[in-house]
Amino acid sequence: MHGEASDGEGGGDAEVMQQETIPVPVPSEKTKQPKECFLIQPKERKENTTKTRKRRKKKITDVLAKSEPKPGLPEDLQKLIKDYYSSRRSVIELEELNLPDSCFLKANDLTHSLSSYLKEICPKWVKLRKNHSEKKSVLMLIICSSAIRSLELIRSMTAFRGDGKVIKLFAKHIKVQEQVKLLEKRVVHLGVGTPGRIKELVKQGGLNLNPLKFLVFDWNWRDQKLRRMMDIPEIRKEVFELLEMEVLSLCKSESLKLGLF
């Protein structure tokens, strides 16, 4: 009897111990954790949204992509010249940089291909080409922003140039001396290239601008970043330096015409 009683009492004690250990504090800790996680999540989302908004504001190309393309006009070139030299020249010197309206050809209204535009501004090209016999010179220069663009323009002017000889006037994979030799050896009618290399050829005496009749800027075309050639600071600087070398004086004497394609 005593053994059974002690067993009963022992069992009771075990039950009491079990009952005392039932309330476990772990669930209360677990319930706190989701609350902490839940409070952190919205903050992270807010940070992410602010970051993406900042990035979108920096994309100027988004704005340009939505804007309607406007054809370049002679006034655009005149304004760029004034803006570029305004801090470097006196008022009298700035007046000397003004180009007469008569030196500008009809601008491209964005409906032309290069060949159709050149045919419109130079209807007597065949006669001019046949009469041109001077080496180290060209009748027409087309200025653009890059070597790749130069090649594209050369391919797209086949219908206009006919039997005319074309020379590539850019720096990529071609040395200045190679171009000088080509201009010395044969009569060339058309030159297509970048303002930097053309300027260098003029400096070195490899290219004479006096026989030049037409200077056409690849004005309206945009690159992958939606920049026109005159939107690129280095190109703009080189264009103005080239204009100062001989182009402005030739325009004022009305022997050279400018076109904006």
C-alpha atoms as a PDB file:
ATOM      1  CA  MET A   1       0.000   0.000   0.000  1.00  0.00           C
ATOM      2  CA  HIS A   2       2.785   2.358   0.890  1.00  0.00           C
ATOM      3  CA  GLY A   3       4.551   1.494  -2.397  1.00  0.00           C
ATOM      4  CA  GLU A   4       1.383   2.204  -4.367  1.00  0.00           C
ATOM      5  CA  ALA A   5       0.857   5.437  -2.469  1.00  0.00           C
ATOM      6  CA  SER A   6       4.379   6.539  -3.147  1.00  0.00           C
ATOM      7  CA  ASP A   7       3.940   5.624  -6.794  1.00  0.00           C
ATOM      8  CA  GLY A   8       0.699   7.597  -6.906  1.00  0.00           C
ATOM      9  CA  GLU A   9       2.267  10.558  -5.213  1.00  0.00           C
ATOM     10  CA  GLY A  10       5.275  10.358  -7.559  1.00  0.00           C
ATOM     11  CA  GLY A  11       2.950  10.271 -10.573  1.00  0.00           C
ATOM     12  CA  GLY A  12       1.119  13.269  -9.243  1.00  0.00           C
ATOM     13  CA  ASP A  13       4.348  15.142  -8.816  1.00  0.00           C
ATOM     14  CA  ALA A  14       5.254  14.341 -12.445  1.00  0.00           C
ATOM     15  CA  GLU A  15       1.890  15.633 -13.620  1.00  0.00           C
ATOM     16  CA  VAL A  16       2.374  18.826 -11.653  1.00  0.00           C
ATOM     17  CA  MET A  17       5.858  19.245 -13.177  1.00  0.00           C
ATOM     18  CA  GLN A  18       4.454  18.740 -16.649  1.00  0.00           C
ATOM     19  CA  GLN A  19       1.714  21.256 -16.003  1.00  0.00           C
ATOM     20  CA  GLU A  20       4.259  23.766 -14.737  1.00  0.00           C
ATOM     21  CA  THR A  21       6.405  23.414 -17.888  1.00  0.00           C
ATOM     22  CA  ILE A  22       3.480  23.759 -20.347  1.00  0.00           C
ATOM     23  CA  PRO A  23       3.548  27.590 -20.746  1.00  0.00           C
ATOM     24  CA  VAL A  24       6.575  28.024 -23.056  1.00  0.00           C
ATOM     25  CA  PRO A  25       7.739  31.591 -23.727  1.00  0.00           C
ATOM     26  CA  VAL A  26       8.894  30.683 -27.271  1.00  0.00           C
ATOM     27  CA  PRO A  27       5.598  31.489 -29.045  1.00  0.00           C
ATOM     28  CA  SER A  28       5.629  34.995 -27.593  1.00  0.00           C
ATOM     29  CA  GLU A  29       9.124  35.518 -29.038  1.00  0.00           C
ATOM     30  CA  LYS A  30       7.976  34.144 -32.398  1.00  0.00           C
ATOM     31  CA  THR A  31       4.993  36.453 -32.481  1.00  0.00           C
ATOM     32  CA  LYS A  32       7.295  39.451 -31.919  1.00  0.00           C
ATOM     33  CA  GLN A  33       9.574  38.560 -34.834  1.00  0.00           C
ATOM     34  CA  PRO A  34       6.998  38.858 -37.615  1.00  0.00           C
ATOM     35  CA  LYS A  35       6.038  42.290 -36.244  1.00  0.00           C
ATOM     36  CA  GLU A  36       9.675  43.436 -36.509  1.00  0.00           C
ATOM     37  CA  CYS A  37       9.988  42.027 -40.056  1.00  0.00           C
ATOM     38  CA  PHE A  38       6.693  43.594 -41.038  1.00  0.00           C
ATOM     39  CA  LEU A  39       7.927  47.040 -39.920  1.00  0.00           C
ATOM     40  CA  ILE A  40      11.207  46.772 -41.893  1.00  0.00           C
ATOM     41  CA  GLN A  41       9.636  45.727 -45.213  1.00  0.00           C
ATOM     42  CA  PRO A  42       7.795  48.966 -45.997  1.00  0.00           C
ATOM     43  CA  LYS A  43      10.988  50.989 -45.370  1.00  0.00           C
ATOM     44  CA  GLU A  44      12.896  48.885 -47.904  1.00  0.00           C
ATOM     45  CA  ARG A  45      10.141  49.365 -50.461  1.00  0.00           C
ATOM     46  CA  LYS A  46      10.197  53.139 -49.988  1.00  0.00           C
ATOM     47  CA  GLU A  47      13.964  53.231 -50.453  1.00  0.00           C
ATOM     48  CA  ASN A  48      13.683  51.187 -53.649  1.00  0.00           C
ATOM     49  CA  THR A  49      11.003  53.434 -55.110  1.00  0.00           C
ATOM     50  CA  THR A  50      13.024  56.583 -54.379  1.00  0.00           C
ATOM     51  CA  LYS A  51      16.099  55.077 -56.037  1.00  0.00           C
ATOM     52  CA  THR A  52      14.241  54.165 -59.223  1.00  0.00           C
ATOM     53  CA  ARG A  53      12.658  57.610 -59.380  1.00  0.00           C
ATOM     54  CA  LYS A  54      16.066  59.296 -59.182  1.00  0.00           C
ATOM     55  CA  ARG A  55      17.416  57.131 -62.006  1.00  0.00           C
ATOM     56  CA  ARG A  56      14.477  57.945 -64.262  1.00  0.00           C
ATOM     57  CA  LYS A  57      14.975  61.685 -63.774  1.00  0.00           C
ATOM     58  CA  LYS A  58      18.549  61.435 -65.064  1.00  0.00           C
ATOM     59  CA  LYS A  59      17.527  59.901 -68.408  1.00  0.00           C
ATOM     60  CA  ILE A  60      17.432  62.866 -70.776  1.00  0.00           C
ATOM     61  CA  THR A  61      17.060  60.502 -73.721  1.00  0.00           C
ATOM     62  CA  ASP A  62      13.514  59.694 -72.547  1.00  0.00           C
ATOM     63  CA  VAL A  63      12.572  63.339 -73.045  1.00  0.00           C
ATOM     64  CA  LEU A  64      14.293  63.550 -76.445  1.00  0.00           C
ATOM     65  CA  ALA A  65      12.665  60.333 -77.628  1.00  0.00           C
ATOM     66  CA  LYS A  66       9.202  61.798 -77.006  1.00  0.00           C
ATOM     67  CA  SER A  67       9.942  65.166 -78.628  1.00  0.00           C
ATOM     68  CA  GLU A  68       9.139  65.628 -82.293  1.00  0.00           C
ATOM     69  CA  PRO A  69      12.185  66.029 -84.562  1.00  0.00           C
ATOM     70  CA  LYS A  70      12.643  69.525 -85.956  1.00  0.00           C
ATOM     71  CA  PRO A  71      14.747  70.166 -89.064  1.00  0.00           C
ATOM     72  CA  GLY A  72      17.863  72.287 -88.661  1.00  0.00           C
ATOM     73  CA  LEU A  73      17.757  75.841 -90.003  1.00  0.00           C
ATOM     74  CA  PRO A  74      20.481  78.390 -90.880  1.00  0.00           C
ATOM     75  CA  GLU A  75      19.463  80.389 -87.794  1.00  0.00           C
ATOM     76  CA  ASP A  76      20.420  77.390 -85.620  1.00  0.00           C
ATOM     77  CA  LEU A  77      23.992  77.465 -86.913  1.00  0.00           C
ATOM     78  CA  GLN A  78      24.198  81.243 -86.564  1.00  0.00           C
ATOM     79  CA  LYS A  79      23.012  81.023 -82.951  1.00  0.00           C
ATOM     80  CA  LEU A  80      25.513  78.269 -82.108  1.00  0.00           C
ATOM     81  CA  ILE A  81      28.364  80.358 -83.519  1.00  0.00           C
ATOM     82  CA  LYS A  82      27.319  83.374 -81.420  1.00  0.00           C
ATOM     83  CA  ASP A  83      26.919  81.292 -78.250  1.00  0.00           C
ATOM     84  CA  TYR A  84      30.290  79.620 -78.748  1.00  0.00           C
ATOM     85  CA  TYR A  85      32.264  82.829 -79.301  1.00  0.00           C
ATOM     86  CA  SER A  86      30.262  85.241 -77.085  1.00  0.00           C
ATOM     87  CA  SER A  87      32.660  84.936 -74.122  1.00  0.00           C
ATOM     88  CA  ARG A  88      35.817  84.976 -76.285  1.00  0.00           C
ATOM     89  CA  ARG A  89      35.232  87.753 -78.798  1.00  0.00           C
ATOM     90  CA  SER A  90      34.309  91.425 -78.763  1.00  0.00           C
ATOM     91  CA  VAL A  91      31.028  92.689 -80.194  1.00  0.00           C
ATOM     92  CA  ILE A  92      32.750  93.805 -83.426  1.00  0.00           C
ATOM     93  CA  GLU A  93      34.474  90.418 -83.827  1.00  0.00           C
ATOM     94  CA  LEU A  94      31.154  88.632 -83.278  1.00  0.00           C
ATOM     95  CA  GLU A  95      29.594  90.676 -86.085  1.00  0.00           C
ATOM     96  CA  GLU A  96      32.355  89.519 -88.405  1.00  0.00           C
ATOM     97  CA  LEU A  97      31.379  85.897 -87.696  1.00  0.00           C
ATOM     98  CA  ASN A  98      27.857  86.454 -89.021  1.00  0.00           C
ATOM     99  CA  LEU A  99      27.236  84.489 -92.197  1.00  0.00           C
ATOM    100  CA  PRO A 100      25.211  86.064 -95.016  1.00  0.00           C
ATOM    101  CA  ASP A 101      21.858  84.427 -95.736  1.00  0.00           C
ATOM    102  CA  SER A 102      22.897  84.011 -99.365  1.00  0.00           C
ATOM    103  CA  CYS A 103      25.563  81.440 -98.428  1.00  0.00           C
ATOM    104  CA  PHE A 104      22.967  78.986 -97.107  1.00  0.00           C
ATOM    105  CA  LEU A 105      21.346  76.371 -99.316  1.00  0.00           C
ATOM    106  CA  LYS A 106      17.836  75.055 -98.755  1.00  0.00           C
ATOM    107  CA  ALA A 107      17.797  72.983 -95.540  1.00  0.00           C
ATOM    108  CA  ASN A 108      16.585  69.388 -95.407  1.00  0.00           C
ATOM    109  CA  ASP A 109      12.939  69.241 -94.285  1.00  0.00           C
ATOM    110  CA  LEU A 110      13.454  65.641 -93.058  1.00  0.00           C
ATOM    111  CA  THR A 111      11.736  64.155 -96.109  1.00  0.00           C
ATOM    112  CA  HIS A 112      14.923  63.727 -98.181  1.00  0.00           C
ATOM    113  CA  SER A 113      17.423  60.921 -98.527  1.00  0.00           C
ATOM    114  CA  LEU A 114      21.009  62.154 -98.856  1.00  0.00           C
ATOM    115  CA  SER A 115      21.048  61.594-102.641  1.00  0.00           C
ATOM    116  CA  SER A 116      17.744  63.413-103.206  1.00  0.00           C
ATOM    117  CA  TYR A 117      18.864  66.324-101.015  1.00  0.00           C
ATOM    118  CA  LEU A 118      22.202  66.678-102.841  1.00  0.00           C
ATOM    119  CA  LYS A 119      20.432  66.563-106.212  1.00  0.00           C
ATOM    120  CA  GLU A 120      18.160  69.387-105.076  1.00  0.00           C
ATOM    121  CA  ILE A 121      20.931  71.683-103.817  1.00  0.00           C
ATOM    122  CA  CYS A 122      23.356  70.831-106.636  1.00  0.00           C
ATOM    123  CA  PRO A 123      21.404  70.155-109.873  1.00  0.00           C
ATOM    124  CA  LYS A 124      24.485  70.819-112.058  1.00  0.00           C
ATOM    125  CA  TRP A 125      26.671  68.254-110.296  1.00  0.00           C
ATOM    126  CA  VAL A 126      27.570  66.283-113.449  1.00  0.00           C
ATOM    127  CA  LYS A 127      28.899  69.406-115.200  1.00  0.00           C
ATOM    128  CA  LEU A 128      30.826  70.537-112.105  1.00  0.00           C
ATOM    129  CA  ARG A 129      32.353  67.095-111.678  1.00  0.00           C
ATOM    130  CA  LYS A 130      33.545  66.929-115.284  1.00  0.00           C
ATOM    131  CA  ASN A 131      35.168  70.367-115.077  1.00  0.00           C
ATOM    132  CA  HIS A 132      37.008  69.660-111.824  1.00  0.00           C
ATOM    133  CA  SER A 133      40.654  68.732-112.402  1.00  0.00           C
ATOM    134  CA  GLU A 134      42.448  70.096-109.323  1.00  0.00           C
ATOM    135  CA  LYS A 135      44.230  67.656-107.026  1.00  0.00           C
ATOM    136  CA  LYS A 136      44.468  68.064-103.228  1.00  0.00           C
ATOM    137  CA  SER A 137      40.905  69.389-103.252  1.00  0.00           C
ATOM    138  CA  VAL A 138      37.226  68.394-103.435  1.00  0.00           C
ATOM    139  CA  LEU A 139      34.097  70.043-104.801  1.00  0.00           C
ATOM    140  CA  MET A 140      31.864  68.939-101.957  1.00  0.00           C
ATOM    141  CA  LEU A 141      32.531  68.142 -98.299  1.00  0.00           C
ATOM    142  CA  ILE A 142      30.039  66.322 -96.091  1.00  0.00           C
ATOM    143  CA  ILE A 143      30.821  66.639 -92.391  1.00  0.00           C
ATOM    144  CA  CYS A 144      29.437  64.196 -89.821  1.00  0.00           C
ATOM    145  CA  SER A 145      30.154  62.989 -86.279  1.00  0.00           C
ATOM    146  CA  SER A 146      31.933  59.637 -86.739  1.00  0.00           C
ATOM    147  CA  ALA A 147      33.685  57.198 -89.070  1.00  0.00           C
ATOM    148  CA  ILE A 148      30.744  54.775 -88.998  1.00  0.00           C
ATOM    149  CA  ARG A 149      28.327  57.526 -89.940  1.00  0.00           C
ATOM    150  CA  SER A 150      30.680  58.582 -92.765  1.00  0.00           C
ATOM    151  CA  LEU A 151      30.504  55.095 -94.261  1.00  0.00           C
ATOM    152  CA  GLU A 152      26.708  55.099 -94.011  1.00  0.00           C
ATOM    153  CA  LEU A 153      26.545  58.424 -95.868  1.00  0.00           C
ATOM    154  CA  ILE A 154      28.930  57.247 -98.604  1.00  0.00           C
ATOM    155  CA  ARG A 155      26.728  54.190 -99.222  1.00  0.00           C
ATOM    156  CA  SER A 156      23.552  56.291 -99.313  1.00  0.00           C
ATOM    157  CA  MET A 157      24.820  58.821-101.886  1.00  0.00           C
ATOM    158  CA  THR A 158      25.472  56.366-104.747  1.00  0.00           C
ATOM    159  CA  ALA A 159      22.545  57.677-106.812  1.00  0.00           C
ATOM    160  CA  PHE A 160      23.919  61.221-106.638  1.00  0.00           C
ATOM    161  CA  ARG A 161      27.671  60.834-107.063  1.00  0.00           C
ATOM    162  CA  GLY A 162      27.619  58.881-110.337  1.00  0.00           C
ATOM    163  CA  ASP A 163      31.228  58.460-111.531  1.00  0.00           C
ATOM    164  CA  GLY A 164      32.514  60.959-108.980  1.00  0.00           C
ATOM    165  CA  LYS A 165      35.485  59.927-106.830  1.00  0.00           C
ATOM    166  CA  VAL A 166      34.903  59.858-103.085  1.00  0.00           C
ATOM    167  CA  ILE A 167      37.493  59.986-100.304  1.00  0.00           C
ATOM    168  CA  LYS A 168      37.010  58.990 -96.639  1.00  0.00           C
ATOM    169  CA  LEU A 169      38.219  61.773 -94.373  1.00  0.00           C
ATOM    170  CA  PHE A 170      38.125  60.340 -90.859  1.00  0.00           C
ATOM    171  CA  ALA A 171      40.781  59.131 -88.412  1.00  0.00           C
ATOM    172  CA  LYS A 172      39.669  55.552 -87.715  1.00  0.00           C
ATOM    173  CA  HIS A 173      42.177  53.053 -89.243  1.00  0.00           C
ATOM    174  CA  ILE A 174      43.456  55.694 -91.698  1.00  0.00           C
ATOM    175  CA  LYS A 175      46.604  57.798 -91.147  1.00  0.00           C
ATOM    176  CA  VAL A 176      46.734  61.461 -92.174  1.00  0.00           C
ATOM    177  CA  GLN A 177      49.682  60.837 -94.505  1.00  0.00           C
ATOM    178  CA  GLU A 178      47.751  58.128 -96.376  1.00  0.00           C
ATOM    179  CA  GLN A 179      44.944  60.594 -97.064  1.00  0.00           C
ATOM    180  CA  VAL A 180      47.427  63.295 -98.105  1.00  0.00           C
ATOM    181  CA  LYS A 181      48.982  60.910-100.655  1.00  0.00           C
ATOM    182  CA  LEU A 182      45.577  59.920-102.049  1.00  0.00           C
ATOM    183  CA  LEU A 183      44.623  63.577-102.528  1.00  0.00           C
ATOM    184  CA  GLU A 184      47.967  64.287-104.235  1.00  0.00           C
ATOM    185  CA  LYS A 185      47.736  61.313-106.612  1.00  0.00           C
ATOM    186  CA  ARG A 186      44.271  61.690-108.096  1.00  0.00           C
ATOM    187  CA  VAL A 187      41.384  64.073-108.661  1.00  0.00           C
ATOM    188  CA  VAL A 188      38.688  63.665-105.996  1.00  0.00           C
ATOM    189  CA  HIS A 189      35.189  65.148-106.205  1.00  0.00           C
ATOM    190  CA  LEU A 190      33.609  64.316-102.839  1.00  0.00           C
ATOM    191  CA  GLY A 191      34.971  64.121 -99.299  1.00  0.00           C
ATOM    192  CA  VAL A 192      33.030  62.626 -96.398  1.00  0.00           C
ATOM    193  CA  GLY A 193      34.378  62.664 -92.856  1.00  0.00           C
ATOM    194  CA  THR A 194      34.775  64.219 -89.425  1.00  0.00           C
ATOM    195  CA  PRO A 195      35.679  67.875 -88.738  1.00  0.00           C
ATOM    196  CA  GLY A 196      38.773  66.952 -86.708  1.00  0.00           C
ATOM    197  CA  ARG A 197      40.474  65.038 -89.513  1.00  0.00           C
ATOM    198  CA  ILE A 198      39.422  67.536 -92.210  1.00  0.00           C
ATOM    199  CA  LYS A 199      40.843  70.355 -90.076  1.00  0.00           C
ATOM    200  CA  GLU A 200      44.141  68.439 -89.694  1.00  0.00           C
ATOM    201  CA  LEU A 201      44.414  67.878 -93.456  1.00  0.00           C
ATOM    202  CA  VAL A 202      43.874  71.588 -94.098  1.00  0.00           C
ATOM    203  CA  LYS A 203      46.541  72.454 -91.498  1.00  0.00           C
ATOM    204  CA  GLN A 204      49.079  70.141 -93.112  1.00  0.00           C
ATOM    205  CA  GLY A 205      48.377  71.490 -96.591  1.00  0.00           C
ATOM    206  CA  GLY A 206      46.972  68.173 -97.789  1.00  0.00           C
ATOM    207  CA  LEU A 207      43.545  69.646 -98.531  1.00  0.00           C
ATOM    208  CA  ASN A 208      42.966  72.976-100.260  1.00  0.00           C
ATOM    209  CA  LEU A 209      39.520  74.455 -99.537  1.00  0.00           C
ATOM    210  CA  ASN A 210      39.560  77.173-102.233  1.00  0.00           C
ATOM    211  CA  PRO A 211      37.985  74.985-104.987  1.00  0.00           C
ATOM    212  CA  LEU A 212      35.301  73.809-102.523  1.00  0.00           C
ATOM    213  CA  LYS A 213      31.775  74.677-103.694  1.00  0.00           C
ATOM    214  CA  PHE A 214      29.511  72.881-101.199  1.00  0.00           C
ATOM    215  CA  LEU A 215      29.894  72.158 -97.480  1.00  0.00           C
ATOM    216  CA  VAL A 216      27.085  69.990 -96.102  1.00  0.00           C
ATOM    217  CA  PHE A 217      26.569  69.242 -92.406  1.00  0.00           C
ATOM    218  CA  ASP A 218      24.915  65.973 -91.359  1.00  0.00           C
ATOM    219  CA  TRP A 219      22.839  68.169 -89.079  1.00  0.00           C
ATOM    220  CA  ASN A 220      19.631  66.287 -88.254  1.00  0.00           C
ATOM    221  CA  TRP A 221      20.891  62.725 -87.752  1.00  0.00           C
ATOM    222  CA  ARG A 222      21.004  61.436 -84.155  1.00  0.00           C
ATOM    223  CA  ASP A 223      23.237  58.723 -82.695  1.00  0.00           C
ATOM    224  CA  GLN A 224      22.221  55.982 -80.223  1.00  0.00           C
ATOM    225  CA  LYS A 225      22.191  58.550 -77.406  1.00  0.00           C
ATOM    226  CA  LEU A 226      19.899  60.719 -79.542  1.00  0.00           C
ATOM    227  CA  ARG A 227      22.584  63.398 -79.957  1.00  0.00           C
ATOM    228  CA  ARG A 228      23.007  65.389 -83.146  1.00  0.00           C
ATOM    229  CA  MET A 229      26.545  66.126 -84.275  1.00  0.00           C
ATOM    230  CA  MET A 230      26.405  69.684 -82.900  1.00  0.00           C
ATOM    231  CA  ASP A 231      25.188  68.394 -79.527  1.00  0.00           C
ATOM    232  CA  ILE A 232      28.590  66.729 -78.971  1.00  0.00           C
ATOM    233  CA  PRO A 233      31.015  69.287 -77.432  1.00  0.00           C
ATOM    234  CA  GLU A 234      34.188  67.943 -79.107  1.00  0.00           C
ATOM    235  CA  ILE A 235      32.560  67.846 -82.559  1.00  0.00           C
ATOM    236  CA  ARG A 236      31.057  71.323 -82.112  1.00  0.00           C
ATOM    237  CA  LYS A 237      34.471  72.757 -81.139  1.00  0.00           C
ATOM    238  CA  GLU A 238      36.174  71.174 -84.162  1.00  0.00           C
ATOM    239  CA  VAL A 239      33.451  72.425 -86.520  1.00  0.00           C
ATOM    240  CA  PHE A 240      33.908  76.021 -85.361  1.00  0.00           C
ATOM    241  CA  GLU A 241      37.697  75.766 -85.612  1.00  0.00           C
ATOM    242  CA  LEU A 242      37.323  74.481 -89.178  1.00  0.00           C
ATOM    243  CA  LEU A 243      34.899  77.314 -90.023  1.00  0.00           C
ATOM    244  CA  GLU A 244      37.448  79.862 -88.835  1.00  0.00           C
ATOM    245  CA  MET A 245      40.295  78.426 -90.901  1.00  0.00           C
ATOM    246  CA  GLU A 246      38.929  79.344 -94.353  1.00  0.00           C
ATOM    247  CA  VAL A 247      35.267  78.432 -94.534  1.00  0.00           C
ATOM    248  CA  LEU A 248      33.836  81.717 -93.193  1.00  0.00           C
ATOM    249  CA  SER A 249      35.840  83.838 -95.621  1.00  0.00           C
ATOM    250  CA  LEU A 250      34.832  81.596 -98.547  1.00  0.00           C
ATOM    251  CA  CYS A 251      31.166  81.893 -97.529  1.00  0.00           C
ATOM    252  CA  LYS A 252      31.382  85.688 -97.395  1.00  0.00           C
ATOM    253  CA  SER A 253      32.944  85.786-100.843  1.00  0.00           C
ATOM    254  CA  GLU A 254      29.951  83.685-101.981  1.00  0.00           C
ATOM    255  CA  SER A 255      32.154  81.028-103.586  1.00  0.00           C
ATOM    256  CA  LEU A 256      31.047  78.430-100.995  1.00  0.00           C
ATOM    257  CA  LYS A 257      27.534  77.363-100.046  1.00  0.00           C
ATOM    258  CA  LEU A 258      26.459  75.688 -96.790  1.00  0.00           C
ATOM    259  CA  GLY A 259      23.784  72.997 -96.464  1.00  0.00           C
ATOM    260  CA  LEU A 260      22.148  71.393 -93.435  1.00  0.00           C
ATOM    261  CA  PHE A 261      21.097  67.830 -94.176  1.00  0.00           C
END
